[in-house]
């Protein structure tokens, strides 16, 4: 009876464990899915979209007429001859202020420029966010490979420890070599734990980038791979000057400063106007009158505002020209960095092939007694470092290519809507 209960409990345990493992299956994410999720859910992207909405509100307000003014006159503070206060409405006037000719239109155009700037700022924010996503995504892929290397290294060191221990038991090696092999095994176990921790940390960072809690489990459906660089430097600077969102922002700012300058000039030549109607309802004067007033900058002729607006325009022009040169340098530097990363990845690929062959050779040589203990350990460490260097080179190459693409064009916007 006890045996049957034990078997039943064991069966329930395995069924429950299988069910839990099935429900806790990790979500598999592709690179496109990660980018799309970050585009819609990253806090900075959400803030940038709200800023576009706010700038549109400012545009509407900038094109509106000034608020009308109303004034009323009510008697009653002084008693008449009969000792009665007159509390009647004596007069009412309504005035509509008007901006100097052409300035309201220019103010609306400046506000419209701010809308375009906020849209370009969204593209610029996306370039920064997508760069971070690419960096973390590549880092996760590299850490997954590093975890595989750590597992393989631990397996190799354990096998090595067993070989050394077997030799020690047969009296063909020293006790110190057994201790050293055990230390190397412990070191490999520690490196495995560190690799597991690092992978979890960067997965948590990826979760934050796509708007999820840090503990959410997922896996990536892609893997690190090498594709030769296919971007030519010729024409990249011209593309950057025409497509980069930060360049568009600087150009729009210059256009806005020019409009501000002309608005200041118009304010110098054309007065502020007000037009309105006055209705008088007293006993001795019952009439309606048309009111017209003007305010002209007689003292100073608005020259201070004109001078400031011109200086702002000239400053932005200087800034734009300097930024064009800076963009050229950034594109050139990004191309050189990507070209270097491409060559480094090819070199590390060759080194990886040689390291795999080295592992076969040193394993056979040590088993046959042709390779010393310490030399074998040194070769194992070199093989591990070469594998890690290759995956890090691939990660660096992907980041540099993405940085090069970002230096001369807008970051591609993911297609489709979030489900």
Protein backbone atom coordinates (compact mmCIF):
# COMPACT_ATOMS: atom_id res chain seq x y z
CA UNK A 1 0.00 0.00 0.00
CA UNK A 2 2.76 2.44 0.92
CA UNK A 3 4.53 1.62 -2.31
CA UNK A 4 1.40 2.44 -4.34
CA UNK A 5 0.98 5.78 -2.53
CA UNK A 6 4.62 6.62 -3.18
CA UNK A 7 4.26 5.84 -6.89
CA UNK A 8 1.05 7.91 -7.08
CA UNK A 9 2.69 10.90 -5.41
CA UNK A 10 5.67 10.61 -7.74
CA UNK A 11 3.34 10.52 -10.75
CA UNK A 12 1.47 13.62 -9.54
CA UNK A 13 4.78 15.42 -9.03
CA UNK A 14 5.99 14.73 -12.58
CA UNK A 15 2.63 15.69 -14.12
CA UNK A 16 2.59 18.96 -12.16
CA UNK A 17 6.17 19.75 -13.09
CA UNK A 18 5.42 19.11 -16.75
CA UNK A 19 2.37 21.38 -16.62
CA UNK A 20 4.32 24.16 -14.94
CA UNK A 21 7.13 23.92 -17.45
CA UNK A 22 4.64 24.11 -20.30
CA UNK A 23 2.93 27.22 -18.92
CA UNK A 24 6.23 28.89 -18.11
CA UNK A 25 7.54 28.50 -21.66
CA UNK A 26 9.57 31.52 -22.67
CA UNK A 27 8.28 33.93 -25.28
CA UNK A 28 10.40 33.94 -28.42
CA UNK A 29 11.09 37.42 -29.82
CA UNK A 30 12.56 38.34 -33.18
CA UNK A 31 14.56 41.49 -33.82
CA UNK A 32 11.64 43.08 -35.69
CA UNK A 33 9.26 42.33 -32.82
CA UNK A 34 11.63 43.91 -30.32
CA UNK A 35 12.02 47.04 -32.45
CA UNK A 36 8.27 47.38 -32.93
CA UNK A 37 7.60 46.97 -29.22
CA UNK A 38 10.23 49.57 -28.36
CA UNK A 39 8.85 52.00 -30.95
CA UNK A 40 5.38 51.92 -29.42
CA UNK A 41 6.12 51.29 -25.73
CA UNK A 42 9.40 52.99 -24.81
CA UNK A 43 8.70 55.91 -22.41
CA UNK A 44 10.81 58.39 -24.40
CA UNK A 45 8.89 57.55 -27.58
CA UNK A 46 5.59 58.06 -25.79
CA UNK A 47 6.80 61.42 -24.44
CA UNK A 48 7.92 62.51 -27.93
CA UNK A 49 4.47 61.72 -29.35
CA UNK A 50 2.83 63.77 -26.61
CA UNK A 51 5.16 66.65 -27.45
CA UNK A 52 3.91 66.56 -31.05
CA UNK A 53 0.35 66.85 -29.76
CA UNK A 54 1.38 69.75 -27.50
CA UNK A 55 3.12 71.57 -30.37
CA UNK A 56 -0.02 71.24 -32.50
CA UNK A 57 -1.97 72.85 -29.67
CA UNK A 58 0.51 75.74 -29.58
CA UNK A 59 0.15 76.08 -33.36
CA UNK A 60 -3.62 76.44 -33.05
CA UNK A 61 -3.21 79.04 -30.33
CA UNK A 62 -0.57 80.98 -32.28
CA UNK A 63 -2.88 81.42 -35.27
CA UNK A 64 -5.82 82.60 -33.17
CA UNK A 65 -6.81 86.26 -33.01
CA UNK A 66 -6.06 88.15 -29.79
CA UNK A 67 -8.82 87.90 -27.21
CA UNK A 68 -11.53 90.56 -27.56
CA UNK A 69 -12.01 93.13 -24.82
CA UNK A 70 -15.28 94.37 -23.36
CA UNK A 71 -15.86 97.35 -21.09
CA UNK A 72 -19.06 98.61 -19.47
CA UNK A 73 -19.88 101.86 -17.69
CA UNK A 74 -22.49 101.78 -14.92
CA UNK A 75 -23.57 104.90 -13.08
CA UNK A 76 -24.77 105.10 -9.52
CA UNK A 77 -21.91 106.33 -7.37
CA UNK A 78 -23.33 109.86 -7.13
CA UNK A 79 -26.87 110.77 -6.08
CA UNK A 80 -28.92 113.08 -8.24
CA UNK A 81 -30.89 116.09 -7.00
CA UNK A 82 -33.62 113.80 -5.77
CA UNK A 83 -31.13 111.80 -3.71
CA UNK A 84 -31.39 108.67 -5.85
CA UNK A 85 -28.42 106.84 -7.36
CA UNK A 86 -28.55 106.11 -11.07
CA UNK A 87 -27.78 102.41 -11.49
CA UNK A 88 -28.39 102.17 -15.20
CA UNK A 89 -25.92 100.90 -17.79
CA UNK A 90 -24.46 104.04 -19.33
CA UNK A 91 -22.29 102.54 -22.08
CA UNK A 92 -20.72 99.33 -23.36
CA UNK A 93 -17.85 98.91 -25.75
CA UNK A 94 -16.36 95.85 -27.43
CA UNK A 95 -12.83 95.98 -28.86
CA UNK A 96 -10.98 93.46 -31.00
CA UNK A 97 -7.16 93.91 -30.87
CA UNK A 98 -5.31 93.18 -34.11
CA UNK A 99 -1.65 92.33 -34.50
CA UNK A 100 0.54 94.33 -36.88
CA UNK A 101 -0.07 93.40 -40.50
CA UNK A 102 1.43 89.99 -41.37
CA UNK A 103 2.76 89.17 -37.90
CA UNK A 104 -0.04 86.76 -36.98
CA UNK A 105 0.57 84.78 -40.16
CA UNK A 106 4.31 84.62 -39.45
CA UNK A 107 3.65 83.64 -35.83
CA UNK A 108 1.51 80.76 -37.09
CA UNK A 109 4.26 79.69 -39.49
CA UNK A 110 6.79 79.72 -36.64
CA UNK A 111 4.45 77.55 -34.57
CA UNK A 112 4.06 75.21 -37.56
CA UNK A 113 7.85 74.96 -37.72
CA UNK A 114 7.77 73.87 -34.08
CA UNK A 115 5.38 71.07 -35.04
CA UNK A 116 7.83 69.90 -37.71
CA UNK A 117 10.67 70.14 -35.19
CA UNK A 118 8.74 67.97 -32.74
CA UNK A 119 8.15 65.38 -35.49
CA UNK A 120 11.84 65.35 -36.33
CA UNK A 121 12.56 65.13 -32.61
CA UNK A 122 10.44 61.97 -32.55
CA UNK A 123 12.62 60.54 -35.34
CA UNK A 124 15.75 61.59 -33.45
CA UNK A 125 14.47 59.98 -30.25
CA UNK A 126 13.72 56.80 -32.18
CA UNK A 127 17.27 56.81 -33.57
CA UNK A 128 18.62 56.95 -30.02
CA UNK A 129 16.19 54.32 -28.69
CA UNK A 130 16.74 51.94 -31.60
CA UNK A 131 20.51 52.29 -31.16
CA UNK A 132 20.15 51.22 -27.54
CA UNK A 133 17.86 48.34 -28.56
CA UNK A 134 20.38 47.13 -31.15
CA UNK A 135 23.21 47.36 -28.62
CA UNK A 136 21.35 45.42 -25.92
CA UNK A 137 19.99 42.91 -28.44
CA UNK A 138 23.48 42.21 -29.77
CA UNK A 139 24.82 42.01 -26.22
CA UNK A 140 22.21 39.39 -25.30
CA UNK A 141 23.10 37.31 -28.36
CA UNK A 142 26.79 37.57 -27.47
CA UNK A 143 26.08 36.63 -23.84
CA UNK A 144 24.09 33.60 -24.97
CA UNK A 145 27.15 32.50 -26.92
CA UNK A 146 29.33 33.32 -23.91
CA UNK A 147 27.07 31.11 -21.83
CA UNK A 148 27.53 28.28 -24.34
CA UNK A 149 31.30 28.81 -24.15
CA UNK A 150 31.13 28.73 -20.35
CA UNK A 151 29.18 25.44 -20.46
CA UNK A 152 31.66 23.96 -22.92
CA UNK A 153 34.61 25.19 -20.87
CA UNK A 154 33.14 23.67 -17.70
CA UNK A 155 32.58 20.37 -19.50
CA UNK A 156 36.17 20.40 -20.77
CA UNK A 157 37.67 21.23 -17.37
CA UNK A 158 35.63 18.52 -15.66
CA UNK A 159 36.80 15.94 -18.18
CA UNK A 160 40.33 17.20 -17.68
CA UNK A 161 39.97 16.89 -13.90
CA UNK A 162 38.78 13.29 -14.27
CA UNK A 163 41.77 12.47 -16.49
CA UNK A 164 44.21 14.03 -14.03
CA UNK A 165 42.57 12.25 -11.10
CA UNK A 166 42.73 8.93 -12.95
CA UNK A 167 46.44 9.47 -13.60
CA UNK A 168 46.98 10.36 -9.97
CA UNK A 169 45.23 7.17 -8.84
CA UNK A 170 47.54 5.18 -11.12
CA UNK A 171 50.57 7.03 -9.75
CA UNK A 172 51.55 8.69 -13.01
CA UNK A 173 51.05 12.30 -11.88
CA UNK A 174 51.42 14.49 -8.81
CA UNK A 175 48.81 15.55 -6.25
CA UNK A 176 49.45 19.23 -7.06
CA UNK A 177 48.19 18.72 -10.59
CA UNK A 178 44.94 17.25 -9.24
CA UNK A 179 44.50 20.28 -6.99
CA UNK A 180 45.23 22.65 -9.87
CA UNK A 181 42.72 20.85 -12.10
CA UNK A 182 40.11 21.11 -9.34
CA UNK A 183 40.79 24.85 -9.03
CA UNK A 184 40.32 25.27 -12.78
CA UNK A 185 37.01 23.42 -12.54
CA UNK A 186 35.82 25.70 -9.75
CA UNK A 187 36.89 28.72 -11.78
CA UNK A 188 34.91 27.45 -14.77
CA UNK A 189 31.84 26.95 -12.56
CA UNK A 190 32.16 30.52 -11.31
CA UNK A 191 32.47 31.86 -14.87
CA UNK A 192 29.29 29.99 -15.76
CA UNK A 193 27.41 31.58 -12.86
CA UNK A 194 28.65 35.05 -13.85
CA UNK A 195 27.59 34.48 -17.48
CA UNK A 196 24.11 33.43 -16.35
CA UNK A 197 23.81 36.54 -14.18
CA UNK A 198 25.00 38.89 -16.94
CA UNK A 199 22.49 37.41 -19.37
CA UNK A 200 19.62 37.96 -16.94
CA UNK A 201 20.70 41.57 -16.34
CA UNK A 202 20.72 42.46 -20.03
CA UNK A 203 17.42 40.65 -20.60
CA UNK A 204 15.98 42.80 -17.83
CA UNK A 205 17.33 45.90 -19.57
CA UNK A 206 15.74 44.77 -22.82
CA UNK A 207 12.41 44.34 -21.05
CA UNK A 208 12.58 47.94 -19.86
CA UNK A 209 13.34 49.14 -23.40
CA UNK A 210 10.18 47.48 -24.73
CA UNK A 211 7.99 48.61 -21.85
CA UNK A 212 7.80 45.42 -19.76
CA UNK A 213 8.80 44.46 -16.25
CA UNK A 214 12.43 43.43 -15.85
CA UNK A 215 11.59 39.87 -14.72
CA UNK A 216 9.62 38.89 -17.85
CA UNK A 217 11.15 35.79 -19.40
CA UNK A 218 11.85 35.65 -23.13
CA UNK A 219 14.26 34.24 -25.65
CA UNK A 220 15.59 35.63 -28.92
CA UNK A 221 14.90 33.84 -32.17
CA UNK A 222 17.96 35.28 -33.94
CA UNK A 223 21.64 34.52 -33.54
CA UNK A 224 24.91 36.32 -34.16
CA UNK A 225 26.06 36.01 -37.74
CA UNK A 226 28.55 37.75 -39.99
CA UNK A 227 27.66 39.52 -43.24
CA UNK A 228 30.37 41.49 -45.06
CA UNK A 229 30.03 45.28 -45.06
CA UNK A 230 28.20 46.37 -48.22
CA UNK A 231 28.01 50.14 -47.68
CA UNK A 232 30.16 52.43 -49.81
CA UNK A 233 31.34 55.77 -48.43
CA UNK A 234 30.65 57.72 -51.63
CA UNK A 235 27.46 59.77 -51.29
CA UNK A 236 26.89 59.06 -47.59
CA UNK A 237 27.50 62.65 -46.45
CA UNK A 238 24.99 64.01 -48.98
CA UNK A 239 22.41 61.50 -47.77
CA UNK A 240 23.07 62.49 -44.18
CA UNK A 241 22.58 66.20 -44.92
CA UNK A 242 19.24 65.43 -46.55
CA UNK A 243 17.83 62.71 -44.28
CA UNK A 244 19.12 62.97 -40.73
CA UNK A 245 16.42 64.24 -38.34
CA UNK A 246 18.83 66.39 -36.33
CA UNK A 247 19.91 68.10 -39.56
CA UNK A 248 16.26 68.72 -40.44
CA UNK A 249 15.76 70.25 -37.00
CA UNK A 250 18.61 72.71 -37.53
CA UNK A 251 17.29 73.68 -40.98
CA UNK A 252 13.79 74.22 -39.61
CA UNK A 253 15.17 76.32 -36.77
CA UNK A 254 16.90 78.58 -39.30
CA UNK A 255 13.64 78.96 -41.23
CA UNK A 256 11.85 79.80 -37.98
CA UNK A 257 14.47 82.41 -37.05
CA UNK A 258 14.04 84.06 -40.47
CA UNK A 259 10.29 84.30 -39.92
CA UNK A 260 10.90 85.81 -36.49
CA UNK A 261 13.19 88.41 -38.05
CA UNK A 262 10.58 89.46 -40.62
CA UNK A 263 7.92 89.57 -37.93
CA UNK A 264 10.06 92.02 -35.96
CA UNK A 265 10.48 94.20 -39.08
CA UNK A 266 6.73 94.24 -39.74
CA UNK A 267 6.13 95.22 -36.11
CA UNK A 268 8.37 98.22 -36.74
CA UNK A 269 6.42 99.57 -39.74
CA UNK A 270 2.86 98.53 -38.93
CA UNK A 271 1.07 99.51 -35.69
CA UNK A 272 -1.00 97.32 -33.42
CA UNK A 273 -4.64 98.04 -34.19
CA UNK A 274 -7.89 97.68 -32.29
CA UNK A 275 -11.34 97.97 -33.80
CA UNK A 276 -14.59 97.99 -31.89
CA UNK A 277 -18.08 99.31 -31.25
CA UNK A 278 -19.35 101.53 -28.42
CA UNK A 279 -23.00 101.76 -27.46
CA UNK A 280 -24.09 104.68 -25.21
CA UNK A 281 -27.50 104.50 -23.52
CA UNK A 282 -27.73 107.60 -21.32
CA UNK A 283 -30.82 109.79 -21.40
CA UNK A 284 -29.01 112.68 -23.06
CA UNK A 285 -26.85 110.56 -25.39
CA UNK A 286 -28.24 107.40 -27.01
CA UNK A 287 -25.90 106.51 -29.84
CA UNK A 288 -23.61 103.88 -31.39
CA UNK A 289 -20.03 104.66 -32.37
CA UNK A 290 -17.27 102.84 -34.25
CA UNK A 291 -13.96 102.78 -32.36
CA UNK A 292 -10.50 102.54 -33.89
CA UNK A 293 -7.19 102.71 -32.03
CA UNK A 294 -3.55 102.17 -32.92
CA UNK A 295 -0.36 101.60 -30.98
CA UNK A 296 2.88 102.48 -32.75
CA UNK A 297 6.41 101.86 -31.36
CA UNK A 298 7.31 105.52 -31.48
CA UNK A 299 9.99 105.32 -28.75
CA UNK A 300 12.73 103.12 -30.17
CA UNK A 301 10.82 101.98 -33.28
CA UNK A 302 11.17 98.34 -32.14
CA UNK A 303 14.82 98.38 -33.23
CA UNK A 304 15.93 96.36 -30.21
CA UNK A 305 13.64 93.46 -31.13
CA UNK A 306 14.76 93.65 -34.76
CA UNK A 307 18.42 93.56 -33.74
CA UNK A 308 17.85 90.57 -31.45
CA UNK A 309 15.88 88.67 -34.11
CA UNK A 310 18.62 89.28 -36.69
CA UNK A 311 21.29 88.09 -34.26
CA UNK A 312 19.29 84.93 -33.53
CA UNK A 313 18.98 84.28 -37.27
CA UNK A 314 22.70 84.77 -37.86
CA UNK A 315 23.57 82.55 -34.89
CA UNK A 316 21.42 79.73 -36.24
CA UNK A 317 22.98 80.08 -39.69
CA UNK A 318 26.46 79.76 -38.18
CA UNK A 319 25.31 76.78 -36.12
CA UNK A 320 23.84 75.09 -39.19
CA UNK A 321 27.04 75.44 -41.21
CA UNK A 322 29.11 74.11 -38.31
CA UNK A 323 26.69 71.22 -37.85
CA UNK A 324 27.01 70.26 -41.51
CA UNK A 325 30.76 69.88 -41.04
CA UNK A 326 30.17 67.92 -37.84
CA UNK A 327 27.81 65.56 -39.65
CA UNK A 328 30.46 64.97 -42.32
CA UNK A 329 32.96 64.02 -39.62
CA UNK A 330 30.46 61.72 -37.88
CA UNK A 331 29.67 59.89 -41.12
CA UNK A 332 33.37 59.51 -41.97
CA UNK A 333 34.22 58.28 -38.48
CA UNK A 334 31.26 55.86 -38.41
CA UNK A 335 32.34 54.42 -41.77
CA UNK A 336 35.91 53.90 -40.56
CA UNK A 337 34.65 52.27 -37.36
CA UNK A 338 32.38 49.90 -39.30
CA UNK A 339 35.17 49.08 -41.75
CA UNK A 340 37.54 48.29 -38.88
CA UNK A 341 34.91 46.17 -37.10
CA UNK A 342 34.37 44.25 -40.36
CA UNK A 343 38.07 43.42 -40.64
CA UNK A 344 38.27 42.49 -36.95
CA UNK A 345 35.32 40.11 -37.30
CA UNK A 346 36.99 38.37 -40.26
CA UNK A 347 40.25 38.02 -38.31
CA UNK A 348 38.47 36.63 -35.27
CA UNK A 349 36.60 34.14 -37.49
CA UNK A 350 39.93 32.80 -38.73
CA UNK A 351 41.23 32.69 -35.15
CA UNK A 352 38.11 30.75 -34.09
CA UNK A 353 38.69 28.10 -36.76
CA UNK A 354 42.29 27.78 -35.62
CA UNK A 355 41.20 27.55 -31.96
CA UNK A 356 38.82 24.68 -32.74
CA UNK A 357 41.62 22.83 -34.47
CA UNK A 358 43.94 23.61 -31.57
CA UNK A 359 41.47 22.02 -29.13
CA UNK A 360 41.56 18.76 -31.06
CA UNK A 361 45.34 18.75 -31.20
CA UNK A 362 46.04 19.54 -27.53
CA UNK A 363 43.43 17.05 -26.34
CA UNK A 364 45.07 14.22 -28.25
CA UNK A 365 48.57 15.33 -27.26
CA UNK A 366 47.72 15.48 -23.56
CA UNK A 367 45.99 12.09 -23.61
CA UNK A 368 49.09 10.60 -25.25
CA UNK A 369 51.39 12.32 -22.76
CA UNK A 370 53.03 14.57 -25.35
CA UNK A 371 51.83 17.84 -23.77
CA UNK A 372 52.69 19.11 -20.31
CA UNK A 373 49.98 19.81 -17.73
CA UNK A 374 50.46 23.58 -17.56
CA UNK A 375 50.72 23.91 -21.33
CA UNK A 376 47.40 22.13 -21.71
CA UNK A 377 45.74 24.52 -19.25
CA UNK A 378 47.16 27.52 -21.06
CA UNK A 379 45.88 26.25 -24.40
CA UNK A 380 42.40 25.64 -22.98
CA UNK A 381 42.32 29.20 -21.65
CA UNK A 382 43.45 30.57 -25.03
CA UNK A 383 40.73 28.61 -26.83
CA UNK A 384 38.06 29.96 -24.48
CA UNK A 385 39.25 33.55 -24.85
CA UNK A 386 39.37 33.21 -28.65
CA UNK A 387 35.78 32.02 -28.79
CA UNK A 388 34.61 34.88 -26.58
CA UNK A 389 36.61 37.37 -28.64
CA UNK A 390 34.90 36.16 -31.82
CA UNK A 391 31.39 36.65 -30.44
CA UNK A 392 32.32 40.03 -29.01
CA UNK A 393 33.72 41.01 -32.41
CA UNK A 394 30.41 40.05 -34.04
CA UNK A 395 28.50 42.09 -31.46
CA UNK A 396 30.76 45.07 -32.01
CA UNK A 397 30.43 44.72 -35.78
CA UNK A 398 26.62 44.76 -35.65
CA UNK A 399 26.66 47.83 -33.43
CA UNK A 400 29.10 49.69 -35.70
CA UNK A 401 27.09 48.90 -38.83
CA UNK A 402 23.92 50.13 -37.12
CA UNK A 403 25.76 53.28 -36.02
CA UNK A 404 26.94 53.86 -39.59
CA UNK A 405 23.40 53.49 -40.96
CA UNK A 406 22.11 55.87 -38.30
CA UNK A 407 24.77 58.45 -39.21
CA UNK A 408 23.41 59.08 -42.72
CA UNK A 409 19.69 58.24 -42.60
CA UNK A 410 16.61 58.12 -40.43
CA UNK A 411 16.23 55.01 -38.33
CA UNK A 412 13.70 52.74 -40.12
CA UNK A 413 10.26 52.80 -38.49
CA UNK A 414 8.80 49.33 -37.78
CA UNK A 415 5.81 48.51 -39.96
CA UNK A 416 2.42 47.48 -38.61
CA UNK A 417 0.61 48.08 -35.35
CA UNK A 418 1.11 46.50 -31.97
CA UNK A 419 -1.24 43.60 -31.32
